[in-house]
């Protein structure tokens, strides 16, 4: 059967490349032994804060650790290892594995004011900006 849909063909090429890379680089395809799982992340910024949202479904709050080391914000997740029972994996697109993600905090960020909320598989981290970095509108008198 020949499929002429370009999107289908690109997906096939993508799968072939991913399969080739994961087998040649000796990555653990199920994320059990390597730190290869990287959650999808969104960054938002306004005048007062920077917000980081990470999509990490399937984790519990106690499997996540957040730390600040000088100018680095470090987020770690440790997945439970489960014994595989019947049925065995045939095709895996959604992985749950150990991960570590680091974010460099600029000198405008206040490393003492970091808050986090984990709800419905979304980890939301808020980092406040230092007071002097928040722009203040000030009128200048014309002389």
C-alpha atoms as a PDB file:
ATOM      1  CA  UNK A   1       0.000   0.000   0.000  1.00  0.00           C
ATOM      2  CA  UNK A   2       1.487   3.325  -1.050  1.00  0.00           C
ATOM      3  CA  UNK A   3       0.596   6.373   1.027  1.00  0.00           C
ATOM      4  CA  UNK A   4       1.143   9.716  -0.680  1.00  0.00           C
ATOM      5  CA  UNK A   5       0.253  11.967   2.253  1.00  0.00           C
ATOM      6  CA  UNK A   6       3.370  14.122   2.981  1.00  0.00           C
ATOM      7  CA  UNK A   7       2.631  14.276   6.722  1.00  0.00           C
ATOM      8  CA  UNK A   8       2.479  10.481   6.901  1.00  0.00           C
ATOM      9  CA  UNK A   9       5.757  10.180   5.007  1.00  0.00           C
ATOM     10  CA  UNK A  10       7.477  12.726   7.301  1.00  0.00           C
ATOM     11  CA  UNK A  11       6.263  10.805  10.365  1.00  0.00           C
ATOM     12  CA  UNK A  12       7.692   7.607   8.908  1.00  0.00           C
ATOM     13  CA  UNK A  13      11.050   9.313   8.289  1.00  0.00           C
ATOM     14  CA  UNK A  14      10.991  10.775  11.800  1.00  0.00           C
ATOM     15  CA  UNK A  15      10.336   7.334  13.315  1.00  0.00           C
ATOM     16  CA  UNK A  16      13.172   5.769  11.309  1.00  0.00           C
ATOM     17  CA  UNK A  17      15.631   8.466  12.404  1.00  0.00           C
ATOM     18  CA  UNK A  18      14.567   8.228  16.053  1.00  0.00           C
ATOM     19  CA  UNK A  19      14.818   4.437  16.036  1.00  0.00           C
ATOM     20  CA  UNK A  20      18.264   4.622  14.429  1.00  0.00           C
ATOM     21  CA  UNK A  21      19.551   7.248  16.871  1.00  0.00           C
ATOM     22  CA  UNK A  22      18.249   5.523  19.974  1.00  0.00           C
ATOM     23  CA  UNK A  23      19.710   2.170  18.952  1.00  0.00           C
ATOM     24  CA  UNK A  24      23.111   3.510  17.835  1.00  0.00           C
ATOM     25  CA  UNK A  25      23.613   5.788  20.837  1.00  0.00           C
ATOM     26  CA  UNK A  26      22.672   2.954  23.200  1.00  0.00           C
ATOM     27  CA  UNK A  27      19.986   4.942  24.938  1.00  0.00           C
ATOM     28  CA  UNK A  28      17.550   3.073  27.088  1.00  0.00           C
ATOM     29  CA  UNK A  29      14.347   3.429  25.074  1.00  0.00           C
ATOM     30  CA  UNK A  30      12.189   3.114  28.179  1.00  0.00           C
ATOM     31  CA  UNK A  31      14.039   5.752  30.196  1.00  0.00           C
ATOM     32  CA  UNK A  32      14.970   3.386  32.995  1.00  0.00           C
ATOM     33  CA  UNK A  33      18.764   3.768  33.052  1.00  0.00           C
ATOM     34  CA  UNK A  34      19.501   7.079  31.365  1.00  0.00           C
ATOM     35  CA  UNK A  35      18.525  10.672  31.958  1.00  0.00           C
ATOM     36  CA  UNK A  36      17.075  10.959  28.470  1.00  0.00           C
ATOM     37  CA  UNK A  37      13.494  11.933  29.250  1.00  0.00           C
ATOM     38  CA  UNK A  38      13.066  15.700  28.939  1.00  0.00           C
ATOM     39  CA  UNK A  39       9.638  17.111  29.749  1.00  0.00           C
ATOM     40  CA  UNK A  40       8.089  19.715  27.476  1.00  0.00           C
ATOM     41  CA  UNK A  41       8.644  23.177  28.938  1.00  0.00           C
ATOM     42  CA  UNK A  42       7.059  26.592  28.443  1.00  0.00           C
ATOM     43  CA  UNK A  43       8.604  29.841  29.699  1.00  0.00           C
ATOM     44  CA  UNK A  44       6.631  33.012  30.334  1.00  0.00           C
ATOM     45  CA  UNK A  45       7.821  36.404  31.497  1.00  0.00           C
ATOM     46  CA  UNK A  46       6.192  39.602  32.634  1.00  0.00           C
ATOM     47  CA  UNK A  47       7.502  42.634  34.534  1.00  0.00           C
ATOM     48  CA  UNK A  48       7.437  40.924  37.944  1.00  0.00           C
ATOM     49  CA  UNK A  49       8.145  37.213  37.385  1.00  0.00           C
ATOM     50  CA  UNK A  50       9.349  34.456  35.102  1.00  0.00           C
ATOM     51  CA  UNK A  51       7.131  31.376  35.012  1.00  0.00           C
ATOM     52  CA  UNK A  52       8.260  27.914  33.983  1.00  0.00           C
ATOM     53  CA  UNK A  53       5.658  25.285  33.140  1.00  0.00           C
ATOM     54  CA  UNK A  54       6.702  21.668  32.714  1.00  0.00           C
ATOM     55  CA  UNK A  55       4.435  18.916  31.439  1.00  0.00           C
ATOM     56  CA  UNK A  56       5.195  15.858  33.561  1.00  0.00           C
ATOM     57  CA  UNK A  57       2.126  13.624  33.674  1.00  0.00           C
ATOM     58  CA  UNK A  58       2.233  10.439  35.688  1.00  0.00           C
ATOM     59  CA  UNK A  59       4.567  11.761  38.406  1.00  0.00           C
ATOM     60  CA  UNK A  60       3.643  12.301  42.025  1.00  0.00           C
ATOM     61  CA  UNK A  61       4.704  15.369  43.997  1.00  0.00           C
ATOM     62  CA  UNK A  62       7.197  13.356  46.072  1.00  0.00           C
ATOM     63  CA  UNK A  63       8.996  12.202  42.882  1.00  0.00           C
ATOM     64  CA  UNK A  64       9.969  15.801  42.046  1.00  0.00           C
ATOM     65  CA  UNK A  65      12.785  17.876  43.532  1.00  0.00           C
ATOM     66  CA  UNK A  66      13.483  21.564  42.901  1.00  0.00           C
ATOM     67  CA  UNK A  67      16.685  23.222  44.065  1.00  0.00           C
ATOM     68  CA  UNK A  68      18.485  26.528  43.568  1.00  0.00           C
ATOM     69  CA  UNK A  69      22.287  26.420  43.434  1.00  0.00           C
ATOM     70  CA  UNK A  70      23.717  29.932  43.055  1.00  0.00           C
ATOM     71  CA  UNK A  71      22.407  30.964  39.614  1.00  0.00           C
ATOM     72  CA  UNK A  72      20.949  27.574  38.608  1.00  0.00           C
ATOM     73  CA  UNK A  73      17.406  26.356  39.090  1.00  0.00           C
ATOM     74  CA  UNK A  74      17.466  22.546  38.991  1.00  0.00           C
ATOM     75  CA  UNK A  75      14.369  20.405  38.508  1.00  0.00           C
ATOM     76  CA  UNK A  76      14.689  16.638  38.940  1.00  0.00           C
ATOM     77  CA  UNK A  77      12.177  13.860  38.527  1.00  0.00           C
ATOM     78  CA  UNK A  78      12.631  10.251  39.577  1.00  0.00           C
ATOM     79  CA  UNK A  79      10.278   7.737  38.015  1.00  0.00           C
ATOM     80  CA  UNK A  80       9.263   4.583  39.790  1.00  0.00           C
ATOM     81  CA  UNK A  81      10.602   1.461  38.174  1.00  0.00           C
ATOM     82  CA  UNK A  82       7.757  -0.915  37.512  1.00  0.00           C
ATOM     83  CA  UNK A  83       8.102  -4.536  36.643  1.00  0.00           C
ATOM     84  CA  UNK A  84       6.732  -5.069  33.180  1.00  0.00           C
ATOM     85  CA  UNK A  85       3.838  -7.474  33.163  1.00  0.00           C
ATOM     86  CA  UNK A  86       1.653  -8.670  30.347  1.00  0.00           C
ATOM     87  CA  UNK A  87       1.037  -7.083  27.904  1.00  0.00           C
ATOM     88  CA  UNK A  88       4.603  -6.034  27.088  1.00  0.00           C
ATOM     89  CA  UNK A  89       5.439  -2.773  25.338  1.00  0.00           C
ATOM     90  CA  UNK A  90       5.138  -3.038  21.579  1.00  0.00           C
ATOM     91  CA  UNK A  91       5.331   0.648  20.736  1.00  0.00           C
ATOM     92  CA  UNK A  92       6.289   3.483  23.096  1.00  0.00           C
ATOM     93  CA  UNK A  93       5.783   7.193  22.407  1.00  0.00           C
ATOM     94  CA  UNK A  94       5.065   8.343  25.958  1.00  0.00           C
ATOM     95  CA  UNK A  95       7.933   7.716  28.344  1.00  0.00           C
ATOM     96  CA  UNK A  96       8.163   8.262  32.037  1.00  0.00           C
ATOM     97  CA  UNK A  97      11.769   8.313  33.104  1.00  0.00           C
ATOM     98  CA  UNK A  98      14.232  10.073  35.318  1.00  0.00           C
ATOM     99  CA  UNK A  99      15.008  13.596  34.220  1.00  0.00           C
ATOM    100  CA  UNK A 100      17.008  16.612  35.256  1.00  0.00           C
ATOM    101  CA  UNK A 101      16.523  20.044  33.756  1.00  0.00           C
ATOM    102  CA  UNK A 102      18.564  23.140  34.611  1.00  0.00           C
ATOM    103  CA  UNK A 103      17.666  26.771  34.080  1.00  0.00           C
ATOM    104  CA  UNK A 104      20.224  29.562  34.419  1.00  0.00           C
ATOM    105  CA  UNK A 105      18.894  32.449  36.485  1.00  0.00           C
ATOM    106  CA  UNK A 106      19.944  35.892  35.349  1.00  0.00           C
ATOM    107  CA  UNK A 107      21.222  38.461  37.827  1.00  0.00           C
ATOM    108  CA  UNK A 108      17.796  40.136  37.599  1.00  0.00           C
ATOM    109  CA  UNK A 109      16.131  37.078  39.164  1.00  0.00           C
ATOM    110  CA  UNK A 110      15.666  36.710  42.925  1.00  0.00           C
ATOM    111  CA  UNK A 111      16.837  33.173  43.771  1.00  0.00           C
ATOM    112  CA  UNK A 112      15.270  33.553  47.244  1.00  0.00           C
ATOM    113  CA  UNK A 113      11.778  33.994  45.801  1.00  0.00           C
ATOM    114  CA  UNK A 114      11.016  30.737  43.979  1.00  0.00           C
ATOM    115  CA  UNK A 115       7.622  29.059  44.338  1.00  0.00           C
ATOM    116  CA  UNK A 116       6.232  25.884  42.782  1.00  0.00           C
ATOM    117  CA  UNK A 117       2.822  24.300  42.315  1.00  0.00           C
ATOM    118  CA  UNK A 118       2.197  20.811  40.908  1.00  0.00           C
ATOM    119  CA  UNK A 119      -1.319  20.098  39.673  1.00  0.00           C
ATOM    120  CA  UNK A 120      -2.774  17.786  37.001  1.00  0.00           C
ATOM    121  CA  UNK A 121       0.654  16.814  35.653  1.00  0.00           C
ATOM    122  CA  UNK A 122       1.841  20.411  35.222  1.00  0.00           C
ATOM    123  CA  UNK A 123       4.661  21.769  37.374  1.00  0.00           C
ATOM    124  CA  UNK A 124       4.507  25.554  37.529  1.00  0.00           C
ATOM    125  CA  UNK A 125       7.556  27.329  38.936  1.00  0.00           C
ATOM    126  CA  UNK A 126       7.495  31.082  39.540  1.00  0.00           C
ATOM    127  CA  UNK A 127      10.719  33.053  40.002  1.00  0.00           C
ATOM    128  CA  UNK A 128      10.318  36.672  41.088  1.00  0.00           C
ATOM    129  CA  UNK A 129      12.463  39.426  39.661  1.00  0.00           C
ATOM    130  CA  UNK A 130      14.522  41.631  41.930  1.00  0.00           C
ATOM    131  CA  UNK A 131      12.901  44.941  42.808  1.00  0.00           C
ATOM    132  CA  UNK A 132      15.469  47.055  40.963  1.00  0.00           C
ATOM    133  CA  UNK A 133      14.858  45.112  37.735  1.00  0.00           C
ATOM    134  CA  UNK A 134      11.121  45.851  37.683  1.00  0.00           C
ATOM    135  CA  UNK A 135      10.706  48.890  35.429  1.00  0.00           C
ATOM    136  CA  UNK A 136       9.020  51.826  37.088  1.00  0.00           C
ATOM    137  CA  UNK A 137       7.392  54.548  35.070  1.00  0.00           C
ATOM    138  CA  UNK A 138       8.667  57.908  36.222  1.00  0.00           C
ATOM    139  CA  UNK A 139       7.826  61.180  34.620  1.00  0.00           C
ATOM    140  CA  UNK A 140      10.724  63.482  33.884  1.00  0.00           C
ATOM    141  CA  UNK A 141      10.165  67.190  34.226  1.00  0.00           C
ATOM    142  CA  UNK A 142      11.178  69.204  31.205  1.00  0.00           C
ATOM    143  CA  UNK A 143      13.340  72.183  32.153  1.00  0.00           C
END
